[in-house]
Amino acid sequence: MQDVIPAATTETSTETNPASTARVATHPIHPMLVSFPIACFVGTLLTDLAYWKTAEMMWADFSAWLLFFGLVMGGLAAIAGLVDFLSNRSIRALPPAWFHMIGNVVVLVLALFNSFVHSRDAWTSVVPSGLILSALTVIVLLFTGWMGGSMVFRHHVGVMN
């Protein structure tokens, strides 16, 4: 008896996935970098919460350093993402790409303001302004992460054929 292969699996697609132009060899740079600012900004929220509960100065210092490193790495990830976004029309045609880009700009602006707030005296740098800005940053990050995941897993941006 002969095996039957469904027609859908034998068809070849002539469309190519939107490619990442900012890459090292075949590895896109933006996905390599984004985990650093995400970890730093989530860490900032956690250290702000720890400072709020303990009033231990060490936590406010950790928050300030996490914000700094997150902004540096976020800036690098934004540059790589912007190169991909601007150099490929098929990426710009995707609605999630616009939400992802604009949302990440909002994240960096919130983190920058949060960094300015955290440069004040410890208690006033965290409670309540810094804590609110940290929470807003993480909430927007959840949305932009969802949009980024949608671009990769639904629209196959940067995925090799």
N, C-alpha and C. Protein backbone atom coordinates (compact mmCIF):
# COMPACT_ATOMS: atom_id res chain seq x y z
N MET A 1 0.85 -1.18 0.00
CA MET A 1 0.00 0.00 0.00
C MET A 1 0.89 1.24 0.00
N GLN A 2 0.48 2.21 -0.75
CA GLN A 2 1.28 3.43 -0.92
C GLN A 2 0.86 4.47 0.11
N ASP A 3 1.87 5.15 0.73
CA ASP A 3 1.56 6.20 1.69
C ASP A 3 1.03 7.41 0.95
N VAL A 4 0.02 8.02 1.54
CA VAL A 4 -0.57 9.22 0.95
C VAL A 4 -0.03 10.43 1.70
N ILE A 5 0.55 11.36 0.96
CA ILE A 5 1.08 12.58 1.55
C ILE A 5 0.11 13.71 1.22
N PRO A 6 -0.37 14.41 2.24
CA PRO A 6 -1.30 15.51 1.97
C PRO A 6 -0.66 16.54 1.04
N ALA A 7 -1.48 17.12 0.18
CA ALA A 7 -1.00 18.09 -0.80
C ALA A 7 -0.37 19.31 -0.15
N ALA A 8 -0.88 19.70 1.01
CA ALA A 8 -0.38 20.91 1.68
C ALA A 8 1.09 20.78 2.07
N THR A 9 1.54 19.56 2.36
CA THR A 9 2.93 19.41 2.77
C THR A 9 3.88 19.29 1.60
N THR A 10 3.36 19.03 0.40
CA THR A 10 4.23 18.88 -0.76
C THR A 10 4.38 20.18 -1.53
N GLU A 11 3.52 21.15 -1.26
CA GLU A 11 3.61 22.42 -1.96
C GLU A 11 4.79 23.22 -1.42
N THR A 12 5.45 23.91 -2.32
CA THR A 12 6.53 24.78 -1.89
C THR A 12 6.07 26.22 -2.04
N SER A 13 6.40 27.01 -1.06
CA SER A 13 6.00 28.41 -1.06
C SER A 13 7.06 29.23 -1.80
N THR A 14 6.58 30.14 -2.64
CA THR A 14 7.51 31.01 -3.35
C THR A 14 7.80 32.27 -2.54
N GLU A 15 7.04 32.50 -1.50
CA GLU A 15 7.27 33.67 -0.65
C GLU A 15 8.45 33.41 0.28
N THR A 16 9.21 34.44 0.54
CA THR A 16 10.28 34.32 1.51
C THR A 16 9.89 35.10 2.76
N ASN A 17 10.41 34.65 3.87
CA ASN A 17 10.15 35.34 5.13
C ASN A 17 10.88 36.68 5.14
N PRO A 18 10.27 37.70 5.76
CA PRO A 18 10.99 38.98 5.87
C PRO A 18 12.30 38.78 6.62
N ALA A 19 13.38 39.16 5.99
CA ALA A 19 14.71 38.91 6.57
C ALA A 19 15.15 40.06 7.44
N SER A 20 15.96 39.73 8.42
CA SER A 20 16.61 40.74 9.25
C SER A 20 17.85 41.20 8.53
N THR A 21 18.04 42.51 8.42
CA THR A 21 19.24 43.02 7.75
C THR A 21 20.36 43.32 8.73
N ALA A 22 20.01 43.59 9.99
CA ALA A 22 21.04 43.79 11.03
C ALA A 22 21.30 42.43 11.65
N ARG A 23 22.36 41.77 11.18
CA ARG A 23 22.63 40.41 11.66
C ARG A 23 24.12 40.12 11.63
N VAL A 24 24.49 39.11 12.38
CA VAL A 24 25.84 38.58 12.37
C VAL A 24 25.72 37.20 11.72
N ALA A 25 26.33 37.05 10.56
CA ALA A 25 26.16 35.85 9.73
C ALA A 25 24.66 35.71 9.45
N THR A 26 24.03 34.67 9.94
CA THR A 26 22.59 34.51 9.71
C THR A 26 21.77 34.81 10.96
N HIS A 27 22.40 35.30 12.01
CA HIS A 27 21.72 35.52 13.29
C HIS A 27 21.33 37.00 13.44
N PRO A 28 20.01 37.28 13.53
CA PRO A 28 19.57 38.68 13.71
C PRO A 28 20.08 39.25 15.04
N ILE A 29 20.52 40.49 15.01
CA ILE A 29 21.09 41.13 16.20
C ILE A 29 20.02 41.55 17.20
N HIS A 30 18.91 42.10 16.71
CA HIS A 30 17.87 42.61 17.61
C HIS A 30 17.41 41.55 18.62
N PRO A 31 17.05 40.33 18.18
CA PRO A 31 16.63 39.33 19.18
C PRO A 31 17.73 38.93 20.15
N MET A 32 19.00 39.07 19.71
CA MET A 32 20.11 38.74 20.62
C MET A 32 20.21 39.76 21.75
N LEU A 33 19.88 41.01 21.46
CA LEU A 33 20.08 42.09 22.43
C LEU A 33 18.89 42.36 23.33
N VAL A 34 17.67 42.07 22.86
CA VAL A 34 16.49 42.51 23.62
C VAL A 34 16.34 41.88 24.99
N SER A 35 16.92 40.71 25.19
CA SER A 35 16.76 40.08 26.51
C SER A 35 17.44 40.88 27.61
N PHE A 36 18.50 41.62 27.29
CA PHE A 36 19.20 42.40 28.31
C PHE A 36 18.36 43.54 28.87
N PRO A 37 17.79 44.43 28.03
CA PRO A 37 16.96 45.48 28.62
C PRO A 37 15.70 44.94 29.28
N ILE A 38 15.15 43.85 28.75
CA ILE A 38 13.96 43.26 29.39
C ILE A 38 14.33 42.82 30.81
N ALA A 39 15.43 42.10 30.94
CA ALA A 39 15.86 41.64 32.27
C ALA A 39 16.15 42.82 33.19
N CYS A 40 16.79 43.85 32.66
CA CYS A 40 17.13 45.01 33.49
C CYS A 40 15.90 45.77 33.95
N PHE A 41 14.93 45.98 33.05
CA PHE A 41 13.75 46.76 33.42
C PHE A 41 12.83 45.97 34.35
N VAL A 42 12.73 44.66 34.17
CA VAL A 42 11.98 43.84 35.12
C VAL A 42 12.72 43.81 36.46
N GLY A 43 14.05 43.70 36.40
CA GLY A 43 14.85 43.75 37.62
C GLY A 43 14.70 45.07 38.35
N THR A 44 14.57 46.17 37.61
CA THR A 44 14.35 47.47 38.24
C THR A 44 13.05 47.47 39.02
N LEU A 45 12.00 46.92 38.44
CA LEU A 45 10.72 46.84 39.16
C LEU A 45 10.88 46.01 40.43
N LEU A 46 11.57 44.89 40.33
CA LEU A 46 11.75 44.03 41.51
C LEU A 46 12.58 44.71 42.60
N THR A 47 13.65 45.41 42.19
CA THR A 47 14.47 46.09 43.20
C THR A 47 13.76 47.31 43.78
N ASP A 48 12.91 47.95 42.98
CA ASP A 48 12.08 49.04 43.52
C ASP A 48 11.11 48.50 44.57
N LEU A 49 10.51 47.36 44.28
CA LEU A 49 9.60 46.74 45.26
C LEU A 49 10.36 46.36 46.53
N ALA A 50 11.57 45.82 46.36
CA ALA A 50 12.38 45.46 47.54
C ALA A 50 12.73 46.70 48.36
N TYR A 51 13.07 47.81 47.68
CA TYR A 51 13.38 49.05 48.41
C TYR A 51 12.14 49.58 49.13
N TRP A 52 11.00 49.53 48.46
CA TRP A 52 9.75 50.00 49.05
C TRP A 52 9.44 49.24 50.34
N LYS A 53 9.71 47.94 50.34
CA LYS A 53 9.41 47.12 51.52
C LYS A 53 10.47 47.23 52.62
N THR A 54 11.75 47.46 52.24
CA THR A 54 12.82 47.40 53.24
C THR A 54 13.47 48.75 53.54
N ALA A 55 13.36 49.71 52.64
CA ALA A 55 14.04 51.01 52.74
C ALA A 55 15.56 50.84 52.82
N GLU A 56 16.07 49.74 52.32
CA GLU A 56 17.51 49.47 52.27
C GLU A 56 18.09 50.14 51.03
N MET A 57 19.03 51.05 51.24
CA MET A 57 19.59 51.87 50.16
C MET A 57 20.17 51.04 49.01
N MET A 58 20.68 49.87 49.31
CA MET A 58 21.26 49.00 48.30
C MET A 58 20.29 48.74 47.15
N TRP A 59 18.99 48.57 47.46
CA TRP A 59 18.00 48.28 46.41
C TRP A 59 17.80 49.47 45.50
N ALA A 60 17.81 50.68 46.03
CA ALA A 60 17.68 51.88 45.19
C ALA A 60 18.90 52.01 44.29
N ASP A 61 20.08 51.68 44.80
CA ASP A 61 21.29 51.70 43.98
C ASP A 61 21.21 50.67 42.86
N PHE A 62 20.75 49.47 43.20
CA PHE A 62 20.59 48.43 42.17
C PHE A 62 19.64 48.91 41.07
N SER A 63 18.55 49.54 41.47
CA SER A 63 17.59 50.05 40.48
C SER A 63 18.24 51.04 39.53
N ALA A 64 19.02 51.96 40.08
CA ALA A 64 19.67 52.97 39.24
C ALA A 64 20.63 52.32 38.24
N TRP A 65 21.40 51.34 38.69
CA TRP A 65 22.33 50.66 37.80
C TRP A 65 21.61 49.81 36.77
N LEU A 66 20.55 49.14 37.16
CA LEU A 66 19.77 48.35 36.21
C LEU A 66 19.14 49.24 35.14
N LEU A 67 18.66 50.41 35.55
CA LEU A 67 18.11 51.35 34.57
C LEU A 67 19.17 51.80 33.58
N PHE A 68 20.36 52.13 34.09
CA PHE A 68 21.44 52.57 33.21
C PHE A 68 21.80 51.50 32.19
N PHE A 69 22.06 50.29 32.67
CA PHE A 69 22.45 49.21 31.77
C PHE A 69 21.31 48.87 30.81
N GLY A 70 20.07 48.88 31.30
CA GLY A 70 18.91 48.62 30.44
C GLY A 70 18.76 49.65 29.35
N LEU A 71 19.03 50.92 29.67
CA LEU A 71 18.95 51.97 28.65
C LEU A 71 20.06 51.82 27.61
N VAL A 72 21.25 51.48 28.04
CA VAL A 72 22.36 51.29 27.08
C VAL A 72 22.05 50.12 26.15
N MET A 73 21.69 48.99 26.71
CA MET A 73 21.40 47.81 25.89
C MET A 73 20.11 47.99 25.08
N GLY A 74 19.14 48.69 25.66
CA GLY A 74 17.92 48.98 24.93
C GLY A 74 18.18 49.88 23.73
N GLY A 75 19.07 50.83 23.90
CA GLY A 75 19.45 51.69 22.79
C GLY A 75 20.10 50.90 21.67
N LEU A 76 21.00 49.98 22.03
CA LEU A 76 21.64 49.13 21.01
C LEU A 76 20.61 48.23 20.31
N ALA A 77 19.70 47.64 21.09
CA ALA A 77 18.65 46.80 20.51
C ALA A 77 17.73 47.62 19.62
N ALA A 78 17.47 48.87 20.02
CA ALA A 78 16.61 49.75 19.22
C ALA A 78 17.27 50.08 17.89
N ILE A 79 18.56 50.32 17.90
CA ILE A 79 19.28 50.61 16.65
C ILE A 79 19.19 49.42 15.70
N ALA A 80 19.45 48.22 16.22
CA ALA A 80 19.36 47.02 15.38
C ALA A 80 17.94 46.81 14.87
N GLY A 81 16.95 47.01 15.74
CA GLY A 81 15.56 46.86 15.32
C GLY A 81 15.15 47.90 14.30
N LEU A 82 15.65 49.13 14.47
CA LEU A 82 15.33 50.20 13.52
C LEU A 82 15.95 49.93 12.15
N VAL A 83 17.16 49.39 12.13
CA VAL A 83 17.78 49.01 10.85
C VAL A 83 16.93 47.98 10.14
N ASP A 84 16.47 46.95 10.87
CA ASP A 84 15.58 45.94 10.27
C ASP A 84 14.29 46.57 9.77
N PHE A 85 13.70 47.42 10.59
CA PHE A 85 12.41 48.03 10.28
C PHE A 85 12.50 48.93 9.04
N LEU A 86 13.52 49.76 8.98
CA LEU A 86 13.63 50.73 7.88
C LEU A 86 14.15 50.11 6.58
N SER A 87 14.87 49.02 6.66
CA SER A 87 15.49 48.47 5.46
C SER A 87 14.65 47.39 4.77
N ASN A 88 13.51 47.03 5.34
CA ASN A 88 12.71 45.97 4.75
C ASN A 88 11.24 46.40 4.69
N ARG A 89 10.77 46.66 3.50
CA ARG A 89 9.38 47.13 3.31
C ARG A 89 8.36 46.10 3.81
N SER A 90 8.67 44.82 3.67
CA SER A 90 7.71 43.79 4.10
C SER A 90 7.56 43.78 5.63
N ILE A 91 8.59 44.18 6.35
CA ILE A 91 8.47 44.30 7.81
C ILE A 91 7.62 45.51 8.16
N ARG A 92 7.86 46.62 7.47
CA ARG A 92 7.07 47.84 7.74
C ARG A 92 5.59 47.64 7.40
N ALA A 93 5.27 46.69 6.52
CA ALA A 93 3.89 46.43 6.13
C ALA A 93 3.11 45.66 7.20
N LEU A 94 3.81 45.13 8.20
CA LEU A 94 3.15 44.36 9.25
C LEU A 94 2.67 45.27 10.37
N PRO A 95 1.37 45.26 10.69
CA PRO A 95 0.89 46.09 11.80
C PRO A 95 1.58 45.82 13.13
N PRO A 96 1.90 44.54 13.49
CA PRO A 96 2.59 44.34 14.77
C PRO A 96 3.96 45.01 14.82
N ALA A 97 4.60 45.19 13.67
CA ALA A 97 5.92 45.83 13.65
C ALA A 97 5.82 47.28 14.12
N TRP A 98 4.76 47.96 13.71
CA TRP A 98 4.56 49.35 14.13
C TRP A 98 4.28 49.43 15.62
N PHE A 99 3.41 48.56 16.13
CA PHE A 99 3.11 48.54 17.56
C PHE A 99 4.36 48.20 18.37
N HIS A 100 5.14 47.25 17.86
CA HIS A 100 6.37 46.83 18.53
C HIS A 100 7.37 47.99 18.60
N MET A 101 7.56 48.67 17.47
CA MET A 101 8.53 49.76 17.42
C MET A 101 8.09 50.93 18.31
N ILE A 102 6.86 51.38 18.13
CA ILE A 102 6.38 52.53 18.91
C ILE A 102 6.35 52.18 20.40
N GLY A 103 5.91 50.98 20.73
CA GLY A 103 5.89 50.55 22.13
C GLY A 103 7.26 50.52 22.74
N ASN A 104 8.26 50.08 21.99
CA ASN A 104 9.62 50.04 22.52
C ASN A 104 10.22 51.43 22.68
N VAL A 105 9.82 52.36 21.83
CA VAL A 105 10.23 53.76 22.02
C VAL A 105 9.62 54.28 23.32
N VAL A 106 8.35 53.95 23.57
CA VAL A 106 7.68 54.35 24.81
C VAL A 106 8.42 53.74 26.01
N VAL A 107 8.83 52.48 25.91
CA VAL A 107 9.58 51.82 26.99
C VAL A 107 10.86 52.59 27.29
N LEU A 108 11.62 52.94 26.25
CA LEU A 108 12.88 53.65 26.46
C LEU A 108 12.66 55.04 27.04
N VAL A 109 11.60 55.72 26.62
CA VAL A 109 11.30 57.05 27.18
C VAL A 109 10.89 56.92 28.64
N LEU A 110 10.04 55.95 28.96
CA LEU A 110 9.65 55.73 30.36
C LEU A 110 10.88 55.39 31.21
N ALA A 111 11.76 54.54 30.69
CA ALA A 111 12.96 54.17 31.44
C ALA A 111 13.90 55.36 31.62
N LEU A 112 13.97 56.22 30.61
CA LEU A 112 14.82 57.41 30.73
C LEU A 112 14.28 58.34 31.82
N PHE A 113 12.97 58.59 31.80
CA PHE A 113 12.37 59.40 32.86
C PHE A 113 12.55 58.74 34.22
N ASN A 114 12.41 57.42 34.26
CA ASN A 114 12.61 56.67 35.50
C ASN A 114 14.05 56.83 35.99
N SER A 115 14.99 56.84 35.07
CA SER A 115 16.39 57.03 35.44
C SER A 115 16.60 58.42 36.05
N PHE A 116 15.96 59.43 35.48
CA PHE A 116 16.05 60.77 36.05
C PHE A 116 15.44 60.81 37.45
N VAL A 117 14.30 60.15 37.61
CA VAL A 117 13.64 60.09 38.92
C VAL A 117 14.53 59.37 39.93
N HIS A 118 15.17 58.28 39.49
CA HIS A 118 16.03 57.50 40.39
C HIS A 118 17.33 58.22 40.74
N SER A 119 17.62 59.32 40.08
CA SER A 119 18.83 60.07 40.41
C SER A 119 18.63 60.98 41.62
N ARG A 120 17.41 61.05 42.12
CA ARG A 120 17.13 61.86 43.32
C ARG A 120 17.48 61.09 44.59
N ASP A 121 17.16 61.68 45.72
CA ASP A 121 17.35 61.03 47.02
C ASP A 121 16.60 59.70 47.02
N ALA A 122 17.12 58.72 47.71
CA ALA A 122 16.63 57.34 47.63
C ALA A 122 15.12 57.19 47.81
N TRP A 123 14.56 57.65 48.93
CA TRP A 123 13.13 57.40 49.17
C TRP A 123 12.28 58.09 48.11
N THR A 124 12.57 59.33 47.78
CA THR A 124 11.76 60.03 46.78
C THR A 124 12.05 59.55 45.37
N SER A 125 13.16 58.84 45.18
CA SER A 125 13.45 58.32 43.84
C SER A 125 12.66 57.06 43.54
N VAL A 126 12.23 56.36 44.57
CA VAL A 126 11.55 55.09 44.35
C VAL A 126 10.06 55.20 44.66
N VAL A 127 9.72 55.79 45.78
CA VAL A 127 8.33 55.81 46.23
C VAL A 127 7.74 57.18 46.04
N PRO A 128 6.64 57.34 45.34
CA PRO A 128 5.96 56.37 44.50
C PRO A 128 6.35 56.48 43.02
N SER A 129 6.99 57.58 42.60
CA SER A 129 7.22 57.85 41.17
C SER A 129 8.02 56.76 40.48
N GLY A 130 9.15 56.38 41.06
CA GLY A 130 10.00 55.36 40.43
C GLY A 130 9.30 54.02 40.32
N LEU A 131 8.57 53.67 41.35
CA LEU A 131 7.83 52.41 41.35
C LEU A 131 6.76 52.39 40.27
N ILE A 132 6.04 53.51 40.14
CA ILE A 132 5.00 53.60 39.11
C ILE A 132 5.62 53.54 37.71
N LEU A 133 6.70 54.28 37.49
CA LEU A 133 7.36 54.26 36.18
C LEU A 133 7.93 52.87 35.87
N SER A 134 8.48 52.20 36.87
CA SER A 134 8.99 50.84 36.66
C SER A 134 7.86 49.89 36.27
N ALA A 135 6.73 49.99 36.96
CA ALA A 135 5.59 49.13 36.65
C ALA A 135 5.04 49.43 35.25
N LEU A 136 4.92 50.70 34.90
CA LEU A 136 4.45 51.05 33.55
C LEU A 136 5.39 50.54 32.48
N THR A 137 6.68 50.64 32.73
CA THR A 137 7.68 50.14 31.78
C THR A 137 7.49 48.64 31.54
N VAL A 138 7.32 47.88 32.61
CA VAL A 138 7.15 46.43 32.47
C VAL A 138 5.83 46.10 31.78
N ILE A 139 4.78 46.84 32.06
CA ILE A 139 3.49 46.59 31.40
C ILE A 139 3.60 46.83 29.90
N VAL A 140 4.25 47.91 29.50
CA VAL A 140 4.43 48.19 28.07
C VAL A 140 5.35 47.12 27.46
N LEU A 141 6.36 46.68 28.21
CA LEU A 141 7.25 45.61 27.72
C LEU A 141 6.48 44.32 27.44
N LEU A 142 5.51 44.00 28.28
CA LEU A 142 4.70 42.80 28.03
C LEU A 142 3.98 42.90 26.69
N PHE A 143 3.44 44.08 26.39
CA PHE A 143 2.74 44.28 25.13
C PHE A 143 3.71 44.22 23.95
N THR A 144 4.85 44.91 24.04
CA THR A 144 5.79 44.93 22.92
C THR A 144 6.43 43.55 22.72
N GLY A 145 6.62 42.81 23.79
CA GLY A 145 7.12 41.45 23.66
C GLY A 145 6.12 40.56 22.92
N TRP A 146 4.84 40.76 23.22
CA TRP A 146 3.79 40.01 22.53
C TRP A 146 3.80 40.35 21.04
N MET A 147 3.96 41.63 20.72
CA MET A 147 4.00 42.05 19.31
C MET A 147 5.25 41.51 18.61
N GLY A 148 6.38 41.52 19.30
CA GLY A 148 7.60 40.96 18.74
C GLY A 148 7.46 39.46 18.49
N GLY A 149 6.86 38.77 19.44
CA GLY A 149 6.61 37.34 19.26
C GLY A 149 5.67 37.07 18.10
N SER A 150 4.68 37.91 17.94
CA SER A 150 3.75 37.79 16.82
C SER A 150 4.49 37.94 15.49
N MET A 151 5.43 38.86 15.43
CA MET A 151 6.17 39.05 14.19
C MET A 151 7.02 37.82 13.87
N VAL A 152 7.60 37.21 14.88
CA VAL A 152 8.46 36.04 14.63
C VAL A 152 7.62 34.79 14.38
N PHE A 153 6.67 34.50 15.26
CA PHE A 153 5.97 33.22 15.19
C PHE A 153 4.78 33.22 14.23
N ARG A 154 4.18 34.36 13.98
CA ARG A 154 3.05 34.42 13.06
C ARG A 154 3.49 34.86 11.66
N HIS A 155 4.36 35.87 11.61
CA HIS A 155 4.77 36.43 10.31
C HIS A 155 6.16 35.99 9.89
N HIS A 156 6.85 35.24 10.73
CA HIS A 156 8.16 34.64 10.42
C HIS A 156 9.24 35.66 10.07
N VAL A 157 9.20 36.81 10.73
CA VAL A 157 10.23 37.83 10.49
C VAL A 157 11.57 37.33 11.03
N GLY A 158 12.58 37.37 10.20
CA GLY A 158 13.91 36.96 10.60
C GLY A 158 14.12 35.47 10.69
N VAL A 159 13.11 34.67 10.31
CA VAL A 159 13.22 33.22 10.36
C VAL A 159 13.74 32.72 9.02
N MET A 160 14.78 31.92 9.06
CA MET A 160 15.37 31.39 7.82
C MET A 160 14.42 30.39 7.19
N ASN A 161 14.35 30.40 5.86
CA ASN A 161 13.50 29.42 5.14
C ASN A 161 14.16 28.07 5.08
